[in-house]
C-alpha atoms as a PDB file:
ATOM      1  CA  UNK A   1     143.106 109.875  47.920  1.00  0.00           C
ATOM      2  CA  UNK A   2     143.421 113.489  48.997  1.00  0.00           C
ATOM      3  CA  UNK A   3     141.667 116.164  47.038  1.00  0.00           C
ATOM      4  CA  UNK A   4     142.316 119.875  47.103  1.00  0.00           C
ATOM      5  CA  UNK A   5     140.144 122.614  45.717  1.00  0.00           C
ATOM      6  CA  UNK A   6     141.106 123.839  42.265  1.00  0.00           C
ATOM      7  CA  UNK A   7     142.690 127.282  42.176  1.00  0.00           C
ATOM      8  CA  UNK A   8     139.674 128.614  40.276  1.00  0.00           C
ATOM      9  CA  UNK A   9     137.237 127.296  42.908  1.00  0.00           C
ATOM     10  CA  UNK A  10     134.288 129.593  43.597  1.00  0.00           C
ATOM     11  CA  UNK A  11     134.308 131.678  46.734  1.00  0.00           C
ATOM     12  CA  UNK A  12     131.923 130.404  49.374  1.00  0.00           C
ATOM     13  CA  UNK A  13     128.695 132.368  49.423  1.00  0.00           C
ATOM     14  CA  UNK A  14     125.001 131.815  50.100  1.00  0.00           C
ATOM     15  CA  UNK A  15     124.444 130.257  46.678  1.00  0.00           C
ATOM     16  CA  UNK A  16     127.343 127.804  47.040  1.00  0.00           C
ATOM     17  CA  UNK A  17     126.124 126.872  50.513  1.00  0.00           C
ATOM     18  CA  UNK A  18     122.586 126.338  49.223  1.00  0.00           C
ATOM     19  CA  UNK A  19     123.750 124.216  46.292  1.00  0.00           C
ATOM     20  CA  UNK A  20     125.839 122.014  48.579  1.00  0.00           C
ATOM     21  CA  UNK A  21     122.974 121.677  51.057  1.00  0.00           C
ATOM     22  CA  UNK A  22     120.407 120.704  48.437  1.00  0.00           C
ATOM     23  CA  UNK A  23     122.767 118.299  46.680  1.00  0.00           C
ATOM     24  CA  UNK A  24     123.494 116.466  49.935  1.00  0.00           C
ATOM     25  CA  UNK A  25     119.860 116.641  51.015  1.00  0.00           C
ATOM     26  CA  UNK A  26     118.798 115.214  47.657  1.00  0.00           C
ATOM     27  CA  UNK A  27     121.002 112.181  48.269  1.00  0.00           C
ATOM     28  CA  UNK A  28     119.510 111.651  51.733  1.00  0.00           C
ATOM     29  CA  UNK A  29     115.947 112.182  50.481  1.00  0.00           C
ATOM     30  CA  UNK A  30     116.515 109.523  47.822  1.00  0.00           C
ATOM     31  CA  UNK A  31     117.550 107.021  50.511  1.00  0.00           C
ATOM     32  CA  UNK A  32     114.669 108.075  52.783  1.00  0.00           C
ATOM     33  CA  UNK A  33     112.108 107.721  49.976  1.00  0.00           C
ATOM     34  CA  UNK A  34     112.996 104.043  49.604  1.00  0.00           C
ATOM     35  CA  UNK A  35     111.727 103.655  53.172  1.00  0.00           C
ATOM     36  CA  UNK A  36     108.622 105.822  52.793  1.00  0.00           C
ATOM     37  CA  UNK A  37     110.097 108.608  54.894  1.00  0.00           C
ATOM     38  CA  UNK A  38     110.783 112.310  54.380  1.00  0.00           C
ATOM     39  CA  UNK A  39     113.620 114.618  55.333  1.00  0.00           C
ATOM     40  CA  UNK A  40     111.520 116.418  57.953  1.00  0.00           C
ATOM     41  CA  UNK A  41     110.401 113.075  59.434  1.00  0.00           C
ATOM     42  CA  UNK A  42     114.032 111.971  59.687  1.00  0.00           C
ATOM     43  CA  UNK A  43     115.053 115.221  61.406  1.00  0.00           C
ATOM     44  CA  UNK A  44     112.164 114.921  63.868  1.00  0.00           C
ATOM     45  CA  UNK A  45     112.838 111.270  64.587  1.00  0.00           C
ATOM     46  CA  UNK A  46     116.552 111.939  65.090  1.00  0.00           C
ATOM     47  CA  UNK A  47     115.741 114.808  67.456  1.00  0.00           C
ATOM     48  CA  UNK A  48     113.551 112.494  69.530  1.00  0.00           C
ATOM     49  CA  UNK A  49     116.166 109.736  69.449  1.00  0.00           C
ATOM     50  CA  UNK A  50     119.104 111.901  70.495  1.00  0.00           C
ATOM     51  CA  UNK A  51     117.273 113.642  73.334  1.00  0.00           C
ATOM     52  CA  UNK A  52     118.472 112.757  76.828  1.00  0.00           C
ATOM     53  CA  UNK A  53     114.909 111.957  77.874  1.00  0.00           C
ATOM     54  CA  UNK A  54     111.499 111.697  76.193  1.00  0.00           C
ATOM     55  CA  UNK A  55     110.447 115.137  74.961  1.00  0.00           C
ATOM     56  CA  UNK A  56     107.131 116.917  75.338  1.00  0.00           C
ATOM     57  CA  UNK A  57     105.685 117.597  71.882  1.00  0.00           C
ATOM     58  CA  UNK A  58     106.126 121.388  72.254  1.00  0.00           C
ATOM     59  CA  UNK A  59     109.787 120.947  73.228  1.00  0.00           C
ATOM     60  CA  UNK A  60     110.393 118.685  70.250  1.00  0.00           C
ATOM     61  CA  UNK A  61     108.636 121.164  67.940  1.00  0.00           C
ATOM     62  CA  UNK A  62     110.852 123.990  69.254  1.00  0.00           C
ATOM     63  CA  UNK A  63     114.011 121.941  68.767  1.00  0.00           C
ATOM     64  CA  UNK A  64     113.061 120.956  65.206  1.00  0.00           C
ATOM     65  CA  UNK A  65     111.991 124.518  64.385  1.00  0.00           C
ATOM     66  CA  UNK A  66     115.387 125.758  65.570  1.00  0.00           C
ATOM     67  CA  UNK A  67     117.057 123.337  63.149  1.00  0.00           C
ATOM     68  CA  UNK A  68     114.772 123.549  60.107  1.00  0.00           C
ATOM     69  CA  UNK A  69     113.183 126.982  60.505  1.00  0.00           C
ATOM     70  CA  UNK A  70     109.930 125.247  59.546  1.00  0.00           C
ATOM     71  CA  UNK A  71     106.414 126.291  60.474  1.00  0.00           C
ATOM     72  CA  UNK A  72     105.405 124.779  63.848  1.00  0.00           C
ATOM     73  CA  UNK A  73     102.118 123.487  62.400  1.00  0.00           C
ATOM     74  CA  UNK A  74     104.070 121.604  59.705  1.00  0.00           C
ATOM     75  CA  UNK A  75     106.330 120.134  62.374  1.00  0.00           C
ATOM     76  CA  UNK A  76     103.328 119.040  64.439  1.00  0.00           C
ATOM     77  CA  UNK A  77     101.902 117.380  61.311  1.00  0.00           C
ATOM     78  CA  UNK A  78     105.224 115.575  60.875  1.00  0.00           C
ATOM     79  CA  UNK A  79     105.095 114.338  64.475  1.00  0.00           C
ATOM     80  CA  UNK A  80     101.538 113.112  63.840  1.00  0.00           C
ATOM     81  CA  UNK A  81     102.805 111.245  60.747  1.00  0.00           C
ATOM     82  CA  UNK A  82     105.540 109.598  62.809  1.00  0.00           C
ATOM     83  CA  UNK A  83     102.984 108.598  65.448  1.00  0.00           C
ATOM     84  CA  UNK A  84     100.681 107.162  62.759  1.00  0.00           C
ATOM     85  CA  UNK A  85     103.580 105.183  61.272  1.00  0.00           C
ATOM     86  CA  UNK A  86     104.414 103.960  64.792  1.00  0.00           C
ATOM     87  CA  UNK A  87     107.928 105.397  64.555  1.00  0.00           C
ATOM     88  CA  UNK A  88     107.183 107.609  67.565  1.00  0.00           C
ATOM     89  CA  UNK A  89     105.050 106.659  70.536  1.00  0.00           C
ATOM     90  CA  UNK A  90     103.565 108.549  73.445  1.00  0.00           C
ATOM     91  CA  UNK A  91     105.034 108.070  76.896  1.00  0.00           C
ATOM     92  CA  UNK A  92     102.550 109.931  79.060  1.00  0.00           C
ATOM     93  CA  UNK A  93     102.855 113.551  77.946  1.00  0.00           C
ATOM     94  CA  UNK A  94     106.084 112.841  76.075  1.00  0.00           C
ATOM     95  CA  UNK A  95     107.143 111.406  72.734  1.00  0.00           C
ATOM     96  CA  UNK A  96     109.785 108.742  72.304  1.00  0.00           C
ATOM     97  CA  UNK A  97     111.050 106.797  69.318  1.00  0.00           C
ATOM     98  CA  UNK A  98     109.841 103.235  68.941  1.00  0.00           C
ATOM     99  CA  UNK A  99     112.058 100.294  68.078  1.00  0.00           C
ATOM    100  CA  UNK A 100     110.821 100.675  64.481  1.00  0.00           C
ATOM    101  CA  UNK A 101     111.872 104.339  64.532  1.00  0.00           C
ATOM    102  CA  UNK A 102     115.315 103.445  65.826  1.00  0.00           C
ATOM    103  CA  UNK A 103     115.620 100.714  63.208  1.00  0.00           C
ATOM    104  CA  UNK A 104     114.623 103.108  60.411  1.00  0.00           C
ATOM    105  CA  UNK A 105     117.307 105.614  61.412  1.00  0.00           C
ATOM    106  CA  UNK A 106     119.903 102.849  61.702  1.00  0.00           C
ATOM    107  CA  UNK A 107     118.972 101.477  58.275  1.00  0.00           C
ATOM    108  CA  UNK A 108     119.051 104.890  56.610  1.00  0.00           C
ATOM    109  CA  UNK A 109     122.362 105.620  58.317  1.00  0.00           C
ATOM    110  CA  UNK A 110     123.857 102.354  57.106  1.00  0.00           C
ATOM    111  CA  UNK A 111     122.622 102.917  53.546  1.00  0.00           C
ATOM    112  CA  UNK A 112     123.816 106.513  53.384  1.00  0.00           C
ATOM    113  CA  UNK A 113     127.207 105.945  55.086  1.00  0.00           C
ATOM    114  CA  UNK A 114     129.053 104.724  51.972  1.00  0.00           C
ATOM    115  CA  UNK A 115     127.577 107.571  49.938  1.00  0.00           C
ATOM    116  CA  UNK A 116     128.657 110.091  52.581  1.00  0.00           C
ATOM    117  CA  UNK A 117     132.122 108.540  52.593  1.00  0.00           C
ATOM    118  CA  UNK A 118     132.376 109.104  48.836  1.00  0.00           C
ATOM    119  CA  UNK A 119     131.124 112.690  49.159  1.00  0.00           C
ATOM    120  CA  UNK A 120     133.352 113.678  52.105  1.00  0.00           C
ATOM    121  CA  UNK A 121     136.266 111.333  51.466  1.00  0.00           C
ATOM    122  CA  UNK A 122     139.618 112.802  50.534  1.00  0.00           C
ATOM    123  CA  UNK A 123     138.866 116.303  51.759  1.00  0.00           C
ATOM    124  CA  UNK A 124     141.795 117.579  53.791  1.00  0.00           C
ATOM    125  CA  UNK A 125     141.181 117.753  57.543  1.00  0.00           C
ATOM    126  CA  UNK A 126     142.251 121.408  57.643  1.00  0.00           C
ATOM    127  CA  UNK A 127     139.770 122.207  54.850  1.00  0.00           C
ATOM    128  CA  UNK A 128     136.988 120.504  56.803  1.00  0.00           C
ATOM    129  CA  UNK A 129     137.990 122.406  59.957  1.00  0.00           C
ATOM    130  CA  UNK A 130     137.989 125.730  58.094  1.00  0.00           C
ATOM    131  CA  UNK A 131     134.637 124.954  56.482  1.00  0.00           C
ATOM    132  CA  UNK A 132     133.226 123.984  59.876  1.00  0.00           C
ATOM    133  CA  UNK A 133     134.327 127.284  61.405  1.00  0.00           C
ATOM    134  CA  UNK A 134     132.863 129.293  58.519  1.00  0.00           C
ATOM    135  CA  UNK A 135     129.576 127.381  58.535  1.00  0.00           C
ATOM    136  CA  UNK A 136     129.221 127.796  62.312  1.00  0.00           C
ATOM    137  CA  UNK A 137     129.742 131.553  61.963  1.00  0.00           C
ATOM    138  CA  UNK A 138     127.297 131.806  59.039  1.00  0.00           C
ATOM    139  CA  UNK A 139     124.714 129.828  61.034  1.00  0.00           C
ATOM    140  CA  UNK A 140     125.157 132.084  64.072  1.00  0.00           C
ATOM    141  CA  UNK A 141     124.829 135.257  62.012  1.00  0.00           C
ATOM    142  CA  UNK A 142     121.871 133.990  59.987  1.00  0.00           C
ATOM    143  CA  UNK A 143     120.066 132.916  63.168  1.00  0.00           C
ATOM    144  CA  UNK A 144     120.646 136.413  64.613  1.00  0.00           C
ATOM    145  CA  UNK A 145     119.306 138.052  61.448  1.00  0.00           C
ATOM    146  CA  UNK A 146     116.260 135.782  61.420  1.00  0.00           C
ATOM    147  CA  UNK A 147     115.594 136.568  65.088  1.00  0.00           C
ATOM    148  CA  UNK A 148     115.767 140.310  64.313  1.00  0.00           C
ATOM    149  CA  UNK A 149     113.431 139.923  61.338  1.00  0.00           C
ATOM    150  CA  UNK A 150     110.849 137.973  63.328  1.00  0.00           C
ATOM    151  CA  UNK A 151     111.040 140.026  66.548  1.00  0.00           C
END
């Protein structure tokens, strides 16, 4: 089934972007809650898992902060939670995901995949490509504005 936007579809703006983000995040948070995990924990665990090598805590905090724009102390608290839950482990001065952490991400991914397929399914490839280009540009510009505001 292919779906196209209605002719009276709203123009993309910050509000539409925020509504889409929070709707999708709400779905993921519901799945995560069934496993006693939070959105920020999932982002942190995924960052550790997808890194080429074990990350130093400060490097992981910087990477997560770049993604979430969260306070570094909150991110450090999240890393401590993941260590306490034995989803992350220390490897010398570095952090790495444990088998339990990998399993959690795989389980959440498997549970959320059919939901994501229903959400994203039927959207024309050219619409997804256009949305991707717009979102990348908005992200770049917003990051530049945030950098200017915090300089």
